[in-house]
């Protein structure tokens, strides 16, 4: 609906942050629905790779979310056999791209401006939302890019991108960043988030 109304998918606006890689040594990209706790360590201390993120299957997920992970993995990554997804009983090893930490050296894998990056022929099926990728937003595209490029990666602790409602309640207490990724499906449509944050 947003693509038809606006002429583009707003989620892809995140790639504009790539333009800052020539200005800063590191760039962090966070979804707007992520709450950073005051007690969180400095994310920029997590150096050592061109890309760092949280593998969704590494989170202390509920049984319900584990089932969703398996189905989501098969639908999004099952047909993308050109790269190794390191499948296990929970599905593919994919990053939740709501939180990304990029080192400036990753620019060599971007290949131009943010727009040129998104217009790469190999990404067209994801941008156009073909078949299984109709609801993939940017996550499948970015995961495919990370795997395909051969860039250096670092798997961060789940505490840096803890999915509210998908993990066990006690994990929220230990999280650094809390990701309210299903706000629209909450009983009050996300209006309850400020109250939830006050209790963290």
Protein backbone atom coordinates (compact mmCIF):
# COMPACT_ATOMS: atom_id res chain seq x y z
CA UNK A 1 0.00 0.00 0.00
CA UNK A 2 2.81 2.43 0.87
CA UNK A 3 4.59 1.61 -2.37
CA UNK A 4 1.47 2.48 -4.37
CA UNK A 5 0.74 5.64 -2.39
CA UNK A 6 4.29 7.00 -2.09
CA UNK A 7 5.97 5.45 -5.09
CA UNK A 8 8.53 3.71 -2.89
CA UNK A 9 8.75 1.55 0.22
CA UNK A 10 9.81 3.70 3.22
CA UNK A 11 11.77 0.80 4.76
CA UNK A 12 14.37 1.14 1.99
CA UNK A 13 15.12 4.69 3.16
CA UNK A 14 17.45 3.08 5.72
CA UNK A 15 20.00 2.55 2.99
CA UNK A 16 20.54 6.33 2.87
CA UNK A 17 22.71 5.81 5.97
CA UNK A 18 25.28 4.16 3.67
CA UNK A 19 26.19 7.65 2.46
CA UNK A 20 27.70 8.39 5.90
CA UNK A 21 30.25 5.59 5.65
CA UNK A 22 32.72 8.01 4.07
CA UNK A 23 32.21 10.47 6.92
CA UNK A 24 32.31 8.20 10.00
CA UNK A 25 34.36 5.15 10.96
CA UNK A 26 31.20 3.30 11.99
CA UNK A 27 27.50 3.73 11.31
CA UNK A 28 24.69 2.15 13.33
CA UNK A 29 21.25 1.79 11.77
CA UNK A 30 18.32 1.25 14.15
CA UNK A 31 14.67 0.84 13.31
CA UNK A 32 12.42 3.51 14.78
CA UNK A 33 10.67 0.90 16.95
CA UNK A 34 13.82 0.09 18.95
CA UNK A 35 14.19 1.43 22.48
CA UNK A 36 17.77 1.89 23.70
CA UNK A 37 18.03 1.43 27.46
CA UNK A 38 19.96 4.09 29.36
CA UNK A 39 22.04 1.29 30.87
CA UNK A 40 23.09 -0.11 27.48
CA UNK A 41 26.82 -0.35 26.75
CA UNK A 42 28.28 1.59 23.84
CA UNK A 43 27.36 -0.28 20.64
CA UNK A 44 30.30 1.30 18.83
CA UNK A 45 32.68 -0.67 21.06
CA UNK A 46 31.54 -3.81 19.20
CA UNK A 47 34.24 -3.60 16.55
CA UNK A 48 35.97 -6.31 14.58
CA UNK A 49 33.95 -6.81 11.39
CA UNK A 50 32.53 -4.95 8.43
CA UNK A 51 29.01 -5.92 9.48
CA UNK A 52 27.69 -6.78 12.94
CA UNK A 53 24.16 -7.81 13.84
CA UNK A 54 22.01 -10.24 15.78
CA UNK A 55 21.05 -13.61 14.32
CA UNK A 56 17.37 -13.92 15.06
CA UNK A 57 17.65 -17.61 15.88
CA UNK A 58 20.21 -16.80 18.62
CA UNK A 59 17.56 -15.02 20.70
CA UNK A 60 15.99 -16.79 23.70
CA UNK A 61 12.76 -17.12 21.73
CA UNK A 62 9.44 -18.51 22.87
CA UNK A 63 8.26 -21.78 21.33
CA UNK A 64 5.71 -19.83 19.30
CA UNK A 65 8.37 -17.57 17.80
CA UNK A 66 10.62 -20.54 17.08
CA UNK A 67 7.83 -22.02 14.97
CA UNK A 68 7.51 -18.71 13.14
CA UNK A 69 11.27 -18.63 12.56
CA UNK A 70 11.17 -22.01 10.82
CA UNK A 71 8.32 -20.98 8.52
CA UNK A 72 9.75 -17.55 7.82
CA UNK A 73 13.18 -19.02 7.05
CA UNK A 74 11.76 -21.47 4.54
CA UNK A 75 9.62 -18.84 2.82
CA UNK A 76 12.30 -16.13 2.63
CA UNK A 77 15.53 -18.07 2.21
CA UNK A 78 14.60 -21.54 1.00
CA UNK A 79 14.78 -20.55 -2.67
CA UNK A 80 17.99 -18.53 -2.31
CA UNK A 81 20.38 -21.43 -2.74
CA UNK A 82 23.26 -19.37 -4.14
CA UNK A 83 24.47 -18.65 -0.61
CA UNK A 84 24.95 -20.76 2.52
CA UNK A 85 22.30 -19.98 5.15
CA UNK A 86 23.78 -22.46 7.67
CA UNK A 87 20.42 -24.14 8.25
CA UNK A 88 19.65 -25.83 11.56
CA UNK A 89 16.50 -26.92 13.41
CA UNK A 90 15.41 -23.27 13.78
CA UNK A 91 15.92 -22.42 10.11
CA UNK A 92 18.32 -20.08 8.36
CA UNK A 93 21.03 -18.04 10.05
CA UNK A 94 19.63 -14.63 9.15
CA UNK A 95 20.14 -11.29 10.87
CA UNK A 96 17.26 -9.23 12.18
CA UNK A 97 18.10 -6.07 10.25
CA UNK A 98 16.33 -3.77 12.69
CA UNK A 99 19.79 -3.15 14.15
CA UNK A 100 22.97 -3.05 12.07
CA UNK A 101 26.47 -1.89 12.91
CA UNK A 102 28.57 -1.08 9.86
CA UNK A 103 32.29 -0.40 9.66
CA UNK A 104 33.36 2.17 7.06
CA UNK A 105 35.26 -0.54 5.17
CA UNK A 106 31.93 -2.11 4.19
CA UNK A 107 31.61 0.63 1.56
CA UNK A 108 33.58 -1.56 -0.87
CA UNK A 109 30.60 -3.95 -0.89
CA UNK A 110 27.99 -1.24 -1.52
CA UNK A 111 29.22 -0.26 -4.96
CA UNK A 112 28.08 3.33 -5.27
CA UNK A 113 25.33 5.50 -3.87
CA UNK A 114 22.49 4.10 -1.75
CA UNK A 115 20.20 4.32 -4.77
CA UNK A 116 22.68 2.47 -6.97
CA UNK A 117 22.93 -0.18 -4.28
CA UNK A 118 19.16 -0.76 -4.25
CA UNK A 119 18.98 -0.80 -8.05
CA UNK A 120 21.40 -3.71 -8.41
CA UNK A 121 19.86 -6.34 -10.70
CA UNK A 122 20.29 -9.10 -8.12
CA UNK A 123 18.10 -7.16 -5.66
CA UNK A 124 15.24 -6.42 -8.06
CA UNK A 125 13.09 -9.38 -6.95
CA UNK A 126 13.30 -8.25 -3.32
CA UNK A 127 12.60 -4.57 -4.02
CA UNK A 128 9.66 -5.54 -6.25
CA UNK A 129 8.33 -7.97 -3.64
CA UNK A 130 8.10 -10.93 -5.99
CA UNK A 131 6.54 -14.16 -4.76
CA UNK A 132 7.65 -15.10 -1.26
CA UNK A 133 9.34 -11.71 -0.85
CA UNK A 134 6.10 -9.72 -0.95
CA UNK A 135 6.39 -9.05 2.79
CA UNK A 136 10.17 -9.25 3.18
CA UNK A 137 10.81 -5.48 3.38
CA UNK A 138 14.57 -4.91 3.34
CA UNK A 139 15.56 -7.80 5.60
CA UNK A 140 15.90 -10.50 2.95
CA UNK A 141 17.73 -8.18 0.57
CA UNK A 142 20.25 -7.16 3.21
CA UNK A 143 20.80 -10.70 4.46
CA UNK A 144 21.33 -11.93 0.91
CA UNK A 145 23.81 -9.08 0.33
CA UNK A 146 25.78 -9.83 3.52
CA UNK A 147 26.04 -13.53 2.64
CA UNK A 148 26.73 -13.05 -1.06
CA UNK A 149 29.42 -10.39 -0.66
CA UNK A 150 31.80 -12.38 1.52
CA UNK A 151 32.20 -9.41 3.87
CA UNK A 152 33.48 -10.01 7.39
CA UNK A 153 30.66 -10.40 9.92
CA UNK A 154 30.28 -10.49 13.67
CA UNK A 155 27.34 -12.12 15.43
CA UNK A 156 26.39 -9.89 18.33
CA UNK A 157 24.64 -10.95 21.52
CA UNK A 158 20.85 -11.07 21.29
CA UNK A 159 20.84 -8.34 23.94
CA UNK A 160 21.52 -5.78 21.20
CA UNK A 161 18.24 -6.49 19.38
CA UNK A 162 15.75 -8.18 21.68
CA UNK A 163 12.37 -8.74 20.07
CA UNK A 164 9.62 -7.79 22.52
CA UNK A 165 6.92 -10.46 22.52
CA UNK A 166 9.12 -13.01 20.75
CA UNK A 167 11.48 -13.75 23.65
CA UNK A 168 10.87 -14.97 27.17
CA UNK A 169 9.85 -12.18 29.56
CA UNK A 170 12.99 -12.41 31.70
CA UNK A 171 15.15 -11.74 28.62
CA UNK A 172 13.70 -8.23 28.32
CA UNK A 173 15.26 -7.37 31.68
CA UNK A 174 18.73 -8.28 30.37
CA UNK A 175 18.36 -6.61 26.96
CA UNK A 176 20.30 -3.54 25.87
CA UNK A 177 18.02 -2.62 22.94
CA UNK A 178 14.33 -3.63 23.01
CA UNK A 179 12.74 -3.97 19.59
CA UNK A 180 8.95 -3.48 19.59
CA UNK A 181 8.73 -5.11 16.17
CA UNK A 182 5.03 -6.06 16.30
CA UNK A 183 3.67 -2.86 17.77
CA UNK A 184 0.73 -2.74 15.36
CA UNK A 185 -0.43 -6.16 16.59
CA UNK A 186 -0.42 -5.21 20.27
CA UNK A 187 -3.83 -4.92 21.99
CA UNK A 188 -3.70 -1.10 21.82
CA UNK A 189 -1.92 -0.92 18.48
CA UNK A 190 1.35 0.11 20.11
CA UNK A 191 -0.10 2.88 22.24
CA UNK A 192 0.94 0.90 25.31
CA UNK A 193 4.67 1.05 24.44
CA UNK A 194 5.49 4.14 26.57
CA UNK A 195 4.04 2.36 29.60
CA UNK A 196 6.01 -0.78 28.82
CA UNK A 197 9.22 1.24 28.46
CA UNK A 198 8.62 2.87 31.85
CA UNK A 199 8.72 -0.61 33.43
CA UNK A 200 11.97 -1.74 31.74
